[in-house]
Structures are given as structure tokens and as C-alpha cells.
Amino acid sequence: MMNLMKRGGFLAVWLVLLAGQWTGHAQPAGARLIDDVEGAFARIQVVGAHLTARTNGLIPEPRYRTSMRNWFGLLNHFQGIQRLPDRNYLILSGSNPRSSAAELFVVRLDGDTGDVVARIGVDSAMWHAGGLSTIGRILAVPLHGASPRHAKVVFYDVSDPEHPVRLPVEIDRPGRKASAVAITDLPNGRFLAAVLSAYDGLPRRIDFYLSRSAVLEDGFLPGLVTWHVRDVTARVGQERTFSHFQGLNFVRQTDGRLYLVGFHNSVASPAVLPGRDYADLYEVAFPVDTLEAIVPALARPDVIKTANRLLRCTGGYCNMDAAAGLFVDAETQSLSVYAAPGWLSGNVVRTTVYRGAPPAR
């Protein structure tokens, strides 16, 4: 009996410690898996529904507007957008070089309308917050803009979307930019981050980072693996292209395959000409040891373009060289796209959702 009590006491202590470990860290729920990513991508509607949100004074003039006082929109604009899982919230990122601040804006949706309910200053030196990514309740935010050139990726716990909490972990990128980030977890429990970088004096590329453990706050391993866009391959019928994407998001398939979706516009100056908006799908093929080994070794992947979708932006409600992001719905086995233009319309945030259909029964 005494030995049993000792064992029971030990078990109780172990459970308490385990509970403390989990409550002390921002553990995401994990990637939402899709049985057939390519099929779900093909079911994304090409014509979207318009959504609007009132700024409620949280984005004062002239910021994020195409007024003369804001140099016709050149001084700041929206850069990324993500819908949070299991929440009727959107988060947008913005760059604001005039005040040397990167910012996040939280939108609470109610049907097709909503309100900006929070504005968060991310960094006072790195003013460019780029394309966002989420996994569970973790939001990844890429930043650059310091002098000399410097970038980093920071992370927030958005369990309470109106009060995001900055986490004590980041990916430091001296001498590099960070235009967009994608993050996922792997079958071995580690986290994989992909950071797109361009216009920093080096060839356009993706730098891949692997976490030290299954706990995000343990940080990322110091080594990185670089894949250059010139090395992209393509399936039959697809062009060997990998654009300067404004947004990137991972999608994991149930069988272990990994995909990446990128968003872009065909015109470099969307404020002048509308251009055409695309979502491109790539399979990212890592060695099995990277994905599944208990002690993984990060290796350079093969990146294969598998499909693309021409999405129609109408009424000035989006531009995929401004802000675009993927939403994964494992329950309906569908993929949706949220997108926004670079600027407000008066005191209104305009967005578009391209909903995905579930598979046919």
C-alpha cells in the first residue's frame, strides 16, 4: 500500500508538472490536415464575397489612405491578412515608415461586416510587417526595415484575439529581409518556418528554419537551409515560376505531403493598374528525416509548382500584392482565401473572401 501511495504521489506530482509545462507555453493546436490539398485548391471560388469593417477611430487619418497627406498611399499600406481558426477574427499587418512602426490590426467579423477592435504596435524600428501566417493560436509576423538591413520573425499568442501576447521567441535575420512567412508543425512535432526574401541584394529565395523542439518558445536551430526560386520545377501544364509573393501559407495533407500557397498580382504597381491576381500551389518535398525523424536533419527541399488559380478582385476590395492569406478548414475539408487592398476606403477596411467548397459526397 505504501509503495502504491508513493507511486500515486509520484504520478500526481508528474501530472502537476506536466500541466504546468503546458500552461506555461503557448502550445498551438497543430496544423489542420486536408485529405486532398490539390482537390481543395481547385474548389476555391474564383469570385469572392465582399466584407467590410469600420475602423472606429483606431486607424486615424491620413494613415493607410491614398490621400495627398499620405503621399497617395506610398507612406503606409496593409501587407498581410489571416483569418484566425475557430474565430470570427481577421488580423492584418501594416507598414508605417513615417512613424517607424510595424502594426497589426484586429478585425472582429459579424457576418459580412465587422469592426476594427485593436491596433498593436509590433516594432518601433523594423517598420515593415509582411505576409502573415498562423498555426493554431500562434501568429507569425515577418519584419524588416532597420538600418543596416536587418529582419526578424516574431510570434504572438492570439488565444484572446483582441489582446495578442508577444512570445519570447524570434528568428533573427541579420543582413536579410523578410517579406512573408509560412509556418507549420511537422509529424515529428517540430515547427518549420519558411521566410521569403527579396530585394535585399541577394537572389530571391526561401530560407527554411526548424525549431529546436516541439515547444515553440525553445526557439529555432541556428542553421538554416536556403532554396532559390530559380530551382523551382513544375508539373506538366504549369510554368516554372515562383513570384515575389506577398503572402505564403503551408498546407499539410493527411498522408504527410506538404504544400505551400503563394499570392501575387501580375502588375508591380497595383495602385496604378489593377493587374491579375493569382494563388499558386506548390508541393514542398523534404526528405523523410526532416519530416518524421525524432532528431530531424533540415535538408533542402524540392519545390514543384502543381496548380494556379486566377482569382477575380472586384470593386477595389482586394489586391494580392497588398494582403492575401489562406484559411484551412479541416472540418469541411476546404481552403479559402482572404485578401485586402493596400488602403482603406475612407474609414472602412475592405476585404474579400474566396470560399472553398467541400468535396463532393
Protein backbone atom coordinates (compact mmCIF):
# COMPACT_ATOMS: atom_id res chain seq x y z
CA MET A 1 0.00 0.00 0.00
CA MET A 2 2.81 2.40 0.89
CA ASN A 3 4.55 1.66 -2.43
CA LEU A 4 1.27 2.27 -4.24
CA MET A 5 0.84 5.59 -2.43
CA LYS A 6 4.38 6.54 -3.32
CA ARG A 7 3.74 5.65 -6.93
CA GLY A 8 0.43 7.52 -6.81
CA GLY A 9 2.12 10.53 -5.25
CA PHE A 10 4.82 10.48 -7.88
CA LEU A 11 2.16 10.24 -10.59
CA ALA A 12 0.27 13.19 -9.10
CA VAL A 13 3.43 15.30 -8.98
CA TRP A 14 4.27 14.33 -12.55
CA LEU A 15 0.79 15.32 -13.72
CA VAL A 16 1.07 18.67 -11.95
CA LEU A 17 4.45 19.33 -13.53
CA LEU A 18 3.14 18.32 -16.92
CA ALA A 19 0.15 20.60 -16.54
CA GLY A 20 2.47 23.44 -15.57
CA GLN A 21 4.58 22.80 -18.62
CA TRP A 22 1.59 23.02 -20.94
CA THR A 23 0.05 26.07 -19.32
CA GLY A 24 3.42 27.83 -19.27
CA HIS A 25 3.85 27.57 -23.03
CA ALA A 26 1.69 28.72 -25.92
CA GLN A 27 1.05 25.29 -27.42
CA PRO A 28 -0.72 25.60 -30.79
CA ALA A 29 -3.42 23.15 -31.72
CA GLY A 30 -1.37 21.90 -34.67
CA ALA A 31 -1.88 22.14 -38.40
CA ARG A 32 -5.31 21.34 -39.76
CA LEU A 33 -4.94 18.49 -42.24
CA ILE A 34 -6.57 18.24 -45.66
CA ASP A 35 -7.10 14.83 -47.25
CA ASP A 36 -6.64 16.13 -50.81
CA VAL A 37 -4.90 19.51 -50.96
CA GLU A 38 -4.85 19.76 -54.74
CA GLY A 39 -8.56 18.95 -54.92
CA ALA A 40 -9.39 21.51 -52.22
CA PHE A 41 -7.29 24.14 -54.01
CA ALA A 42 -9.21 23.50 -57.25
CA ARG A 43 -12.51 24.11 -55.42
CA ILE A 44 -11.66 27.66 -54.28
CA GLN A 45 -14.20 30.04 -55.79
CA VAL A 46 -12.71 32.45 -58.30
CA VAL A 47 -15.24 35.22 -57.49
CA GLY A 48 -15.24 36.30 -53.88
CA ALA A 49 -17.68 37.88 -51.42
CA HIS A 50 -17.04 41.39 -50.12
CA LEU A 51 -16.57 42.08 -46.40
CA THR A 52 -16.27 45.45 -44.67
CA ALA A 53 -15.13 46.62 -41.23
CA ARG A 54 -15.38 50.03 -39.55
CA THR A 55 -12.11 51.49 -38.29
CA ASN A 56 -13.72 53.01 -35.16
CA GLY A 57 -11.01 55.65 -34.93
CA LEU A 58 -8.27 53.05 -34.49
CA ILE A 59 -6.66 53.92 -37.83
CA PRO A 60 -6.56 57.75 -37.81
CA GLU A 61 -6.13 59.85 -40.94
CA PRO A 62 -4.11 60.09 -43.08
CA ARG A 63 -2.62 56.65 -42.39
CA TYR A 64 -3.49 53.74 -44.68
CA ARG A 65 -5.30 56.03 -47.12
CA THR A 66 -4.47 57.19 -50.63
CA SER A 67 -4.60 60.87 -49.72
CA MET A 68 -2.09 63.56 -50.63
CA ARG A 69 -1.10 63.79 -46.95
CA ASN A 70 -0.10 60.12 -47.13
CA TRP A 71 1.79 60.63 -50.40
CA PHE A 72 -1.08 58.94 -52.23
CA GLY A 73 -0.62 55.79 -50.17
CA LEU A 74 3.13 55.42 -50.56
CA LEU A 75 3.90 56.02 -46.88
CA ASN A 76 2.00 53.06 -45.49
CA HIS A 77 -0.27 50.23 -46.55
CA PHE A 78 -1.55 46.82 -45.48
CA GLN A 79 0.82 43.90 -46.06
CA GLY A 80 -0.74 40.67 -44.77
CA ILE A 81 -4.00 39.11 -43.65
CA GLN A 82 -5.02 35.96 -41.80
CA ARG A 83 -8.31 34.65 -40.53
CA LEU A 84 -7.90 33.01 -37.14
CA PRO A 85 -9.03 29.39 -36.77
CA ASP A 86 -12.31 28.80 -34.91
CA ARG A 87 -12.71 32.56 -34.51
CA ASN A 88 -14.58 35.25 -36.46
CA TYR A 89 -11.49 37.43 -36.46
CA LEU A 90 -9.11 38.72 -39.11
CA ILE A 91 -5.66 40.12 -38.41
CA LEU A 92 -3.99 42.49 -40.88
CA SER A 93 -0.40 43.67 -40.85
CA GLY A 94 0.73 47.11 -41.93
CA SER A 95 3.91 49.03 -42.65
CA ASN A 96 4.30 52.57 -41.43
CA PRO A 97 7.74 54.06 -42.22
CA ARG A 98 6.54 57.55 -41.38
CA SER A 99 6.33 56.66 -37.69
CA SER A 100 8.87 53.81 -37.96
CA ALA A 101 6.32 51.30 -36.73
CA ALA A 102 5.09 47.91 -37.84
CA GLU A 103 1.48 47.36 -36.85
CA LEU A 104 -1.24 44.72 -36.51
CA PHE A 105 -4.96 45.40 -36.78
CA VAL A 106 -7.58 43.03 -35.36
CA VAL A 107 -10.98 42.87 -37.08
CA ARG A 108 -13.94 41.20 -35.40
CA LEU A 109 -16.43 39.95 -38.01
CA ASP A 110 -20.19 39.65 -37.71
CA GLY A 111 -21.38 38.16 -40.97
CA ASP A 112 -20.24 40.31 -43.88
CA THR A 113 -19.45 43.33 -41.70
CA GLY A 114 -17.25 43.97 -38.70
CA ASP A 115 -15.17 46.36 -36.65
CA VAL A 116 -11.50 47.05 -36.06
CA VAL A 117 -11.24 46.27 -32.35
CA ALA A 118 -7.49 46.51 -31.68
CA ARG A 119 -4.34 48.09 -33.04
CA ILE A 120 -0.98 46.68 -31.89
CA GLY A 121 2.42 48.25 -32.37
CA VAL A 122 4.82 45.43 -33.22
CA ASP A 123 8.21 47.09 -33.60
CA SER A 124 9.45 50.68 -33.45
CA ALA A 125 12.50 50.15 -35.68
CA MET A 126 11.51 47.50 -38.21
CA TRP A 127 8.57 49.27 -39.80
CA HIS A 128 7.67 46.68 -42.46
CA ALA A 129 5.36 43.89 -41.23
CA GLY A 130 4.83 41.50 -44.15
CA GLY A 131 2.75 38.46 -45.09
CA LEU A 132 1.36 36.66 -42.02
CA SER A 133 0.88 33.01 -41.13
CA THR A 134 -0.87 31.10 -38.35
CA ILE A 135 -0.79 27.67 -36.78
CA GLY A 136 -3.45 27.10 -34.18
CA ARG A 137 -3.41 30.13 -31.92
CA ILE A 138 0.12 31.19 -32.93
CA LEU A 139 0.60 34.11 -35.34
CA ALA A 140 3.94 34.57 -37.14
CA VAL A 141 4.88 38.11 -38.23
CA PRO A 142 7.88 38.88 -40.51
CA LEU A 143 9.58 42.26 -40.01
CA HIS A 144 12.30 44.27 -41.72
CA GLY A 145 13.29 47.86 -42.31
CA ALA A 146 16.06 48.65 -39.84
CA SER A 147 19.35 50.22 -40.93
CA PRO A 148 21.65 48.48 -41.61
CA ARG A 149 19.43 45.87 -43.25
CA HIS A 150 18.00 43.54 -40.65
CA ALA A 151 14.93 41.34 -40.38
CA LYS A 152 13.28 39.00 -37.93
CA VAL A 153 10.18 36.90 -37.43
CA VAL A 154 8.22 37.40 -34.21
CA PHE A 155 5.37 35.37 -32.76
CA TYR A 156 2.13 36.14 -30.92
CA ASP A 157 -0.29 34.06 -28.93
CA VAL A 158 -3.70 35.11 -30.28
CA SER A 159 -5.82 32.93 -27.98
CA ASP A 160 -7.51 36.19 -26.99
CA PRO A 161 -7.59 37.85 -30.42
CA GLU A 162 -8.30 41.33 -29.07
CA HIS A 163 -5.29 41.14 -26.74
CA PRO A 164 -2.44 39.31 -28.54
CA VAL A 165 0.56 38.38 -26.39
CA ARG A 166 4.09 38.63 -27.80
CA LEU A 167 6.02 35.39 -27.22
CA PRO A 168 9.66 35.28 -26.07
CA VAL A 169 10.95 33.74 -29.30
CA GLU A 170 12.02 35.11 -32.66
CA ILE A 171 14.00 34.25 -35.78
CA ASP A 172 16.81 36.76 -36.28
CA ARG A 173 17.90 37.59 -39.85
CA PRO A 174 20.88 40.00 -39.94
CA GLY A 175 21.66 41.33 -43.40
CA ARG A 176 18.43 39.95 -44.86
CA LYS A 177 14.83 40.94 -45.43
CA ALA A 178 11.67 39.04 -44.55
CA SER A 179 8.79 39.68 -46.95
CA ALA A 180 6.46 36.86 -45.93
CA VAL A 181 6.49 33.87 -43.60
CA ALA A 182 4.77 30.49 -43.55
CA ILE A 183 4.74 28.23 -40.50
CA THR A 184 3.53 24.71 -39.79
CA ASP A 185 4.23 21.83 -37.49
CA LEU A 186 5.64 18.53 -38.76
CA PRO A 187 4.71 14.92 -37.99
CA ASN A 188 7.71 14.77 -35.62
CA GLY A 189 6.30 17.69 -33.59
CA ARG A 190 8.89 20.27 -34.68
CA PHE A 191 7.94 23.59 -36.27
CA LEU A 192 9.00 24.54 -39.77
CA ALA A 193 9.17 28.20 -40.84
CA ALA A 194 9.67 29.40 -44.40
CA VAL A 195 10.77 33.03 -44.87
CA LEU A 196 10.59 34.60 -48.33
CA SER A 197 13.21 37.26 -49.01
CA ALA A 198 13.73 39.53 -52.00
CA TYR A 199 15.14 42.95 -52.89
CA ASP A 200 17.93 42.65 -50.33
CA GLY A 201 20.89 42.32 -52.68
CA LEU A 202 20.70 38.52 -52.73
CA PRO A 203 18.83 36.23 -55.15
CA ARG A 204 15.16 35.73 -54.36
CA ARG A 205 14.82 32.71 -52.12
CA ILE A 206 13.13 30.96 -49.23
CA ASP A 207 15.07 30.34 -46.02
CA PHE A 208 13.79 27.36 -44.03
CA TYR A 209 14.15 27.12 -40.24
CA LEU A 210 13.50 24.18 -37.93
CA SER A 211 12.55 24.53 -34.26
CA ARG A 212 14.71 23.06 -31.50
CA SER A 213 11.81 21.08 -30.07
CA ALA A 214 8.04 20.71 -30.08
CA VAL A 215 7.82 23.75 -27.76
CA LEU A 216 7.86 26.95 -29.80
CA GLU A 217 9.44 29.02 -27.01
CA ASP A 218 12.54 26.81 -27.18
CA GLY A 219 13.34 28.71 -30.36
CA PHE A 220 14.79 27.68 -33.69
CA LEU A 221 18.04 25.95 -34.58
CA PRO A 222 20.79 28.35 -35.69
CA GLY A 223 21.33 26.68 -39.06
CA LEU A 224 19.04 27.38 -41.99
CA VAL A 225 18.55 25.86 -45.42
CA THR A 226 18.13 28.12 -48.45
CA TRP A 227 16.14 27.27 -51.56
CA HIS A 228 16.45 29.63 -54.56
CA VAL A 229 13.43 30.34 -56.71
CA ARG A 230 15.42 29.64 -59.87
CA ASP A 231 15.37 25.97 -58.86
CA VAL A 232 11.59 25.59 -58.98
CA THR A 233 10.21 22.77 -61.12
CA ALA A 234 6.69 22.31 -62.44
CA ARG A 235 4.15 19.66 -63.30
CA VAL A 236 3.07 19.21 -66.90
CA GLY A 237 0.96 22.20 -67.92
CA GLN A 238 2.43 24.55 -65.28
CA GLU A 239 5.08 27.22 -65.76
CA ARG A 240 8.32 27.10 -63.76
CA THR A 241 7.58 30.31 -61.88
CA PHE A 242 7.86 31.41 -58.26
CA SER A 243 6.86 35.04 -57.87
CA HIS A 244 7.64 37.70 -55.30
CA PHE A 245 4.70 36.55 -53.23
CA GLN A 246 3.09 38.93 -50.77
CA GLY A 247 1.71 36.05 -48.70
CA LEU A 248 2.75 32.41 -48.12
CA ASN A 249 0.95 29.65 -46.25
CA PHE A 250 1.67 25.97 -45.66
CA VAL A 251 -0.97 23.25 -46.02
CA ARG A 252 -0.38 19.73 -44.73
CA GLN A 253 -2.02 16.72 -46.33
CA THR A 254 -3.24 13.79 -44.24
CA ASP A 255 -0.75 11.40 -45.88
CA GLY A 256 2.21 13.59 -44.85
CA ARG A 257 2.72 15.59 -48.03
CA LEU A 258 3.41 19.29 -47.58
CA TYR A 259 2.19 22.14 -49.79
CA LEU A 260 2.80 25.88 -49.99
CA VAL A 261 0.40 28.51 -51.39
CA GLY A 262 1.63 31.91 -52.58
CA PHE A 263 -0.35 35.02 -53.59
CA HIS A 264 0.62 37.74 -56.05
CA ASN A 265 -0.55 40.28 -58.62
CA SER A 266 0.69 40.45 -62.20
CA VAL A 267 1.41 44.21 -62.01
CA ALA A 268 4.22 45.62 -59.89
CA SER A 269 2.34 48.90 -59.26
CA PRO A 270 -1.19 47.87 -58.34
CA ALA A 271 -2.09 51.42 -57.27
CA VAL A 272 -1.88 52.45 -60.94
CA LEU A 273 -3.14 49.34 -62.76
CA PRO A 274 -5.29 46.57 -61.24
CA GLY A 275 -3.46 43.63 -62.82
CA ARG A 276 -4.49 39.99 -62.35
CA ASP A 277 -4.49 38.21 -59.01
CA TYR A 278 -3.25 34.66 -58.56
CA ALA A 279 -2.91 31.93 -55.98
CA ASP A 280 -0.15 29.43 -56.84
CA LEU A 281 0.17 25.96 -55.30
CA TYR A 282 3.50 24.14 -54.77
CA GLU A 283 4.38 20.79 -53.31
CA VAL A 284 7.37 21.08 -50.95
CA ALA A 285 9.13 17.71 -50.83
CA PHE A 286 11.51 17.31 -47.89
CA PRO A 287 13.42 14.12 -47.10
CA VAL A 288 11.60 11.82 -44.67
CA ASP A 289 14.24 12.51 -41.98
CA THR A 290 13.25 16.19 -41.92
CA LEU A 291 9.56 15.47 -41.51
CA GLU A 292 9.42 12.41 -39.29
CA ALA A 293 12.73 11.70 -37.51
CA ILE A 294 12.78 12.23 -33.73
CA VAL A 295 16.04 14.16 -34.18
CA PRO A 296 15.44 15.65 -37.63
CA ALA A 297 18.01 17.00 -40.05
CA LEU A 298 16.87 20.01 -42.04
CA ALA A 299 17.63 19.49 -45.73
CA ARG A 300 16.97 21.40 -48.91
CA PRO A 301 13.56 20.50 -50.37
CA ASP A 302 12.32 20.12 -53.92
CA VAL A 303 9.62 22.68 -54.75
CA ILE A 304 7.21 21.73 -57.53
CA LYS A 305 4.52 24.02 -58.94
CA THR A 306 1.35 21.97 -59.17
CA ALA A 307 -1.50 24.40 -59.89
CA ASN A 308 -2.58 28.04 -60.01
CA ARG A 309 -5.89 29.91 -59.70
CA LEU A 310 -6.81 33.24 -61.25
CA LEU A 311 -8.97 34.99 -58.63
CA ARG A 312 -11.12 37.96 -59.61
CA CYS A 313 -10.75 41.03 -57.39
CA THR A 314 -13.73 43.34 -57.94
CA GLY A 315 -14.76 46.77 -56.74
CA GLY A 316 -11.35 47.55 -55.25
CA TYR A 317 -11.93 45.09 -52.41
CA CYS A 318 -8.62 43.28 -52.70
CA ASN A 319 -5.20 43.12 -54.29
CA MET A 320 -2.97 40.13 -53.77
CA ASP A 321 0.17 42.23 -53.94
CA ALA A 322 -1.19 44.00 -50.86
CA ALA A 323 -2.58 41.39 -48.47
CA ALA A 324 -3.69 37.78 -49.00
CA GLY A 325 -3.77 34.67 -46.85
CA LEU A 326 -5.07 31.10 -46.79
CA PHE A 327 -7.64 29.69 -44.36
CA VAL A 328 -7.69 25.91 -43.82
CA ASP A 329 -10.93 24.29 -42.66
CA ALA A 330 -10.32 20.67 -41.72
CA GLU A 331 -13.96 20.10 -40.75
CA THR A 332 -15.26 20.87 -44.24
CA GLN A 333 -12.01 19.82 -45.96
CA SER A 334 -11.87 23.15 -47.78
CA LEU A 335 -9.45 26.00 -48.44
CA SER A 336 -10.50 29.66 -48.54
CA VAL A 337 -8.58 32.83 -49.41
CA TYR A 338 -8.89 36.19 -47.63
CA ALA A 339 -7.49 39.27 -49.36
CA ALA A 340 -7.48 43.05 -48.92
CA PRO A 341 -6.31 46.12 -50.84
CA GLY A 342 -3.41 48.15 -49.56
CA TRP A 343 -5.51 51.03 -48.28
CA LEU A 344 -8.75 51.97 -46.59
CA SER A 345 -11.79 53.38 -48.31
CA GLY A 346 -12.50 56.36 -46.07
CA ASN A 347 -12.94 54.78 -42.64
CA VAL A 348 -13.68 51.27 -43.91
CA VAL A 349 -11.44 48.22 -44.25
CA ARG A 350 -12.41 46.33 -47.40
CA THR A 351 -11.70 42.61 -47.75
CA THR A 352 -12.71 39.73 -50.00
CA VAL A 353 -13.20 36.07 -49.11
CA TYR A 354 -12.91 33.38 -51.77
CA ARG A 355 -14.66 30.47 -50.11
CA GLY A 356 -13.75 26.89 -50.78
CA ALA A 357 -16.31 24.16 -51.37
CA PRO A 358 -16.19 20.81 -49.53
CA PRO A 359 -15.52 17.67 -51.58
CA ALA A 360 -18.46 16.09 -53.39
CA ARG A 361 -20.09 13.25 -51.48
